[in-house]
Amino acid sequence: MCPQPNIASTAFLIADPARANMLMALVAGRALPAGELAYAAGVTAQTASTHLAKLLDGGLVTVEIEGRHRYYRLSGPHVALVLENLAAIDPVAPVRRRPLGREAQNLRFARCCYDHLAGQVGVAIAQALQLRGFIVPAADKRFDVTPAGTAWFRQLGLDMDRLRGTRRGLARQCLDWTEREHHLAGPLGVQFMSALCENGWMRRVSASRVVQVTPVGWAGLKAELGIEGRLGELTQGR
């Protein structure tokens, strides 16, 4: 007899309203922490933890650990497809999101994560670097730098030969805690951030982790990476 898929078990996991809301919050593809998923589901942190354990056991979500934080995402596009098809039968209500204050908005847009660039700008730059073939994702949450990428970073003033000698590797993927996507970290990320500031593209706000993009920086990002800033939002050319 051919083995049968355990549809009932998967359907049971999705059928719970709290778990369904958590899963729909993850459909966009970003990884989210348990606290944000608890808010989206309207449950306590303890209840959310129980639900997430069941979703993990059922193979619907995976977890990624970044420092002390745990971020959850759908286990694959096949899960998103199932959820979208179910939502098409009976459209769901909008996912609950926490409102952001002005300082939180500024931090989300661009900030220092330790000594490298994070936030929407940091993620947009990492994606543009991949789009142009300057960096490529590798195993163990690393980025490999291509020959074209090495040449590009050198023209910005980075000493790529010295950076390649570091023990922890040249570049790594750091999961952004606001965008839930990866930005560029590691020795390359640190020196890249320094070069952006030295070249006048970015400036750090005193007594804050907020980073501002200068007019020169916006011009450079558009010319070099196709990134354009408009009214606090980012657009990226292809």
Protein backbone atom coordinates (compact mmCIF):
# COMPACT_ATOMS: atom_id res chain seq x y z
CA MET A 1 0.00 0.00 0.00
CA CYS A 2 1.32 3.46 -0.92
CA PRO A 3 1.93 5.76 2.05
CA GLN A 4 -0.61 8.57 2.34
CA PRO A 5 0.24 12.19 3.22
CA ASN A 6 -0.86 13.26 6.67
CA ILE A 7 -3.25 15.94 5.46
CA ALA A 8 -5.36 15.83 8.61
CA SER A 9 -2.42 16.68 10.86
CA THR A 10 -1.36 19.63 8.71
CA ALA A 11 -4.94 20.85 8.41
CA PHE A 12 -5.30 20.67 12.19
CA LEU A 13 -2.25 22.90 12.66
CA ILE A 14 -3.53 25.50 10.20
CA ALA A 15 -7.12 25.37 11.48
CA ASP A 16 -6.34 26.99 14.83
CA PRO A 17 -7.07 30.76 14.47
CA ALA A 18 -3.98 31.84 16.40
CA ARG A 19 -1.66 29.59 14.41
CA ALA A 20 -3.34 30.63 11.17
CA ASN A 21 -2.71 34.30 11.97
CA MET A 22 0.92 33.53 12.78
CA LEU A 23 1.37 31.72 9.50
CA MET A 24 -0.29 34.51 7.50
CA ALA A 25 2.05 37.02 9.17
CA LEU A 26 4.93 35.02 7.66
CA VAL A 27 3.54 34.72 4.12
CA ALA A 28 5.47 37.80 2.95
CA GLY A 29 8.68 35.82 3.40
CA ARG A 30 10.24 37.76 6.25
CA ALA A 31 11.34 36.06 9.47
CA LEU A 32 9.59 37.34 12.59
CA PRO A 33 10.29 36.95 16.33
CA ALA A 34 7.88 35.18 18.66
CA GLY A 35 6.78 38.47 20.23
CA GLU A 36 5.61 39.92 16.94
CA LEU A 37 3.87 36.68 16.03
CA ALA A 38 2.13 36.67 19.42
CA TYR A 39 0.89 40.20 18.73
CA ALA A 40 -0.31 39.22 15.25
CA ALA A 41 -2.23 36.28 16.74
CA GLY A 42 -3.58 38.23 19.73
CA VAL A 43 -2.19 35.75 22.27
CA THR A 44 0.29 35.85 25.14
CA ALA A 45 3.98 35.13 24.65
CA GLN A 46 3.64 31.81 26.49
CA THR A 47 0.73 30.72 24.30
CA ALA A 48 2.60 31.82 21.17
CA SER A 49 5.59 29.70 22.23
CA THR A 50 3.36 26.63 22.49
CA HIS A 51 1.84 27.26 19.08
CA LEU A 52 5.24 27.83 17.47
CA ALA A 53 6.56 24.57 18.92
CA LYS A 54 3.66 22.75 17.25
CA LEU A 55 4.27 24.50 13.94
CA LEU A 56 7.95 23.59 14.13
CA ASP A 57 7.15 19.95 14.86
CA GLY A 58 4.66 19.94 11.99
CA GLY A 59 7.24 21.25 9.53
CA LEU A 60 5.32 24.43 8.68
CA VAL A 61 7.91 26.84 10.04
CA THR A 62 11.65 26.92 10.68
CA VAL A 63 13.60 28.94 13.22
CA GLU A 64 16.77 30.98 12.75
CA ILE A 65 18.88 32.02 15.74
CA GLU A 66 20.66 35.38 15.62
CA GLY A 67 22.45 36.09 18.90
CA ARG A 68 19.89 35.84 21.70
CA HIS A 69 16.95 36.16 19.33
CA ARG A 70 14.94 33.49 17.54
CA TYR A 71 13.24 34.33 14.25
CA TYR A 72 10.59 32.20 12.59
CA ARG A 73 9.77 31.87 8.90
CA LEU A 74 7.71 29.55 6.74
CA SER A 75 9.57 26.34 5.96
CA GLY A 76 9.25 26.92 2.23
CA PRO A 77 7.25 28.37 -0.66
CA HIS A 78 5.02 25.29 -0.66
CA VAL A 79 3.61 26.36 2.70
CA ALA A 80 3.00 29.91 1.45
CA LEU A 81 1.20 28.50 -1.60
CA VAL A 82 -1.15 26.44 0.58
CA LEU A 83 -1.93 29.43 2.78
CA GLU A 84 -2.55 31.75 -0.17
CA ASN A 85 -4.88 29.22 -1.78
CA LEU A 86 -6.82 28.83 1.46
CA ALA A 87 -6.98 32.62 1.89
CA ALA A 88 -8.43 32.94 -1.62
CA ILE A 89 -11.42 30.83 -0.56
CA ASP A 90 -12.24 33.14 2.36
CA PRO A 91 -10.13 36.33 2.45
CA VAL A 92 -8.49 36.92 5.81
CA ALA A 93 -8.43 40.10 7.89
CA PRO A 94 -5.28 42.26 7.79
CA VAL A 95 -2.44 41.03 10.01
CA ARG A 96 -1.99 43.05 13.22
CA ARG A 97 1.22 45.09 13.30
CA ARG A 98 2.62 47.24 16.10
CA PRO A 99 2.60 51.00 15.29
CA LEU A 100 6.07 52.58 15.18
CA GLY A 101 7.10 55.90 16.79
CA ARG A 102 9.36 58.43 15.04
CA GLU A 103 12.59 57.14 16.60
CA ALA A 104 11.63 53.55 15.80
CA GLN A 105 10.86 54.54 12.21
CA ASN A 106 14.27 56.19 11.88
CA LEU A 107 16.00 53.14 13.35
CA ARG A 108 14.10 50.86 11.00
CA PHE A 109 15.07 52.95 7.98
CA ALA A 110 18.83 53.02 8.60
CA ARG A 111 20.91 52.29 11.70
CA CYS A 112 24.15 50.79 12.97
CA CYS A 113 24.02 47.11 13.92
CA TYR A 114 27.20 46.95 15.99
CA ASP A 115 29.50 48.62 13.40
CA HIS A 116 27.76 47.70 10.15
CA LEU A 117 24.74 49.10 8.31
CA ALA A 118 21.26 47.72 9.02
CA GLY A 119 17.63 48.62 8.52
CA GLN A 120 15.78 49.09 5.25
CA VAL A 121 18.80 50.78 3.66
CA GLY A 122 21.16 48.02 4.78
CA VAL A 123 18.88 45.28 3.47
CA ALA A 124 18.32 47.14 0.18
CA ILE A 125 22.08 47.49 -0.33
CA ALA A 126 22.69 43.79 0.42
CA GLN A 127 19.99 42.81 -2.07
CA ALA A 128 21.37 45.17 -4.72
CA LEU A 129 24.88 43.78 -4.22
CA GLN A 130 23.50 40.28 -4.82
CA LEU A 131 21.46 41.43 -7.81
CA ARG A 132 24.60 42.77 -9.45
CA GLY A 133 26.61 39.65 -8.64
CA PHE A 134 28.99 41.39 -6.23
CA ILE A 135 28.18 39.04 -3.34
CA VAL A 136 26.49 35.63 -3.27
CA PRO A 137 24.97 33.73 -0.31
CA ALA A 138 27.12 30.84 0.93
CA ALA A 139 27.00 28.18 3.62
CA ASP A 140 27.14 28.96 7.35
CA LYS A 141 25.40 32.32 6.90
CA ARG A 142 28.28 33.77 4.88
CA PHE A 143 28.48 35.90 1.77
CA ASP A 144 31.12 35.12 -0.84
CA VAL A 145 32.54 38.15 -2.65
CA THR A 146 32.93 37.71 -6.41
CA PRO A 147 35.82 39.18 -8.44
CA ALA A 148 33.44 41.87 -9.70
CA GLY A 149 32.45 42.60 -6.10
CA THR A 150 36.09 42.80 -5.01
CA ALA A 151 36.76 45.38 -7.73
CA TRP A 152 33.65 47.36 -6.76
CA PHE A 153 34.52 47.50 -3.07
CA ARG A 154 38.09 48.49 -3.91
CA GLN A 155 36.91 51.49 -5.90
CA LEU A 156 35.12 52.65 -2.74
CA GLY A 157 38.44 52.56 -0.90
CA LEU A 158 38.30 49.20 0.92
CA ASP A 159 41.52 47.22 1.38
CA MET A 160 40.17 43.85 0.24
CA ASP A 161 43.52 42.04 0.57
CA ARG A 162 43.78 42.90 4.26
CA LEU A 163 40.13 42.02 4.91
CA ARG A 164 40.50 38.55 3.39
CA GLY A 165 42.97 37.63 6.11
CA THR A 166 40.42 37.77 8.93
CA ARG A 167 39.72 34.51 10.80
CA ARG A 168 35.93 34.73 10.87
CA GLY A 169 35.59 35.16 7.13
CA LEU A 170 35.22 38.19 4.93
CA ALA A 171 31.45 38.71 4.99
CA ARG A 172 28.45 37.16 6.65
CA GLN A 173 24.66 37.35 6.54
CA CYS A 174 23.11 39.09 9.55
CA LEU A 175 19.35 38.77 9.96
CA ASP A 176 17.91 42.28 10.32
CA TRP A 177 15.69 42.49 13.41
CA THR A 178 13.26 44.97 11.85
CA GLU A 179 13.22 43.82 8.22
CA ARG A 180 13.67 40.06 8.97
CA GLU A 181 15.92 39.82 5.93
CA HIS A 182 19.70 39.67 5.75
CA HIS A 183 22.06 42.60 5.54
CA LEU A 184 25.84 42.61 5.07
CA ALA A 185 27.94 42.02 8.20
CA GLY A 186 31.39 40.72 9.09
CA PRO A 187 34.68 42.56 8.50
CA LEU A 188 33.52 43.62 5.04
CA GLY A 189 30.29 45.05 6.44
CA VAL A 190 32.20 47.02 9.10
CA GLN A 191 34.69 48.50 6.62
CA PHE A 192 31.93 49.17 4.10
CA MET A 193 30.03 51.20 6.70
CA SER A 194 33.20 53.15 7.52
CA ALA A 195 33.81 53.85 3.84
CA LEU A 196 30.24 55.07 3.34
CA CYS A 197 30.72 57.56 6.16
CA GLU A 198 34.20 58.62 5.03
CA ASN A 199 32.94 59.15 1.48
CA GLY A 200 30.10 61.32 2.76
CA TRP A 201 27.33 58.92 1.71
CA MET A 202 26.17 58.28 5.29
CA ARG A 203 26.41 60.02 8.64
CA ARG A 204 25.75 58.72 12.11
CA VAL A 205 23.41 60.64 14.39
CA SER A 206 25.05 61.64 17.66
CA ALA A 207 24.02 59.61 20.74
CA SER A 208 21.92 57.28 18.59
CA ARG A 209 22.26 54.25 16.34
CA VAL A 210 20.33 56.09 13.62
CA VAL A 211 22.17 56.54 10.32
CA GLN A 212 21.22 59.20 7.79
CA VAL A 213 21.78 58.98 4.04
CA THR A 214 23.15 62.25 2.66
CA PRO A 215 22.17 63.77 -0.71
CA VAL A 216 25.58 62.65 -2.00
CA GLY A 217 24.81 59.19 -0.66
CA TRP A 218 21.44 58.96 -2.41
CA ALA A 219 23.09 59.99 -5.66
CA GLY A 220 25.81 57.39 -5.20
CA LEU A 221 23.38 54.61 -4.25
CA LYS A 222 21.27 55.35 -7.31
CA ALA A 223 24.23 55.50 -9.68
CA GLU A 224 26.07 52.46 -8.31
CA LEU A 225 23.29 50.16 -7.08
CA GLY A 226 20.03 51.48 -8.53
CA ILE A 227 18.69 52.35 -5.06
CA GLU A 228 16.58 55.49 -4.81
CA GLY A 229 15.01 57.08 -1.74
CA ARG A 230 11.63 58.75 -2.00
CA LEU A 231 9.70 60.16 0.94
CA GLY A 232 11.19 57.71 3.41
CA GLU A 233 10.68 54.71 1.13
CA LEU A 234 13.14 52.78 -0.97
CA THR A 235 12.84 51.77 -4.59
CA GLN A 236 15.37 49.53 -6.27
CA GLY A 237 16.07 49.48 -9.98
CA ARG A 238 16.47 46.17 -11.76
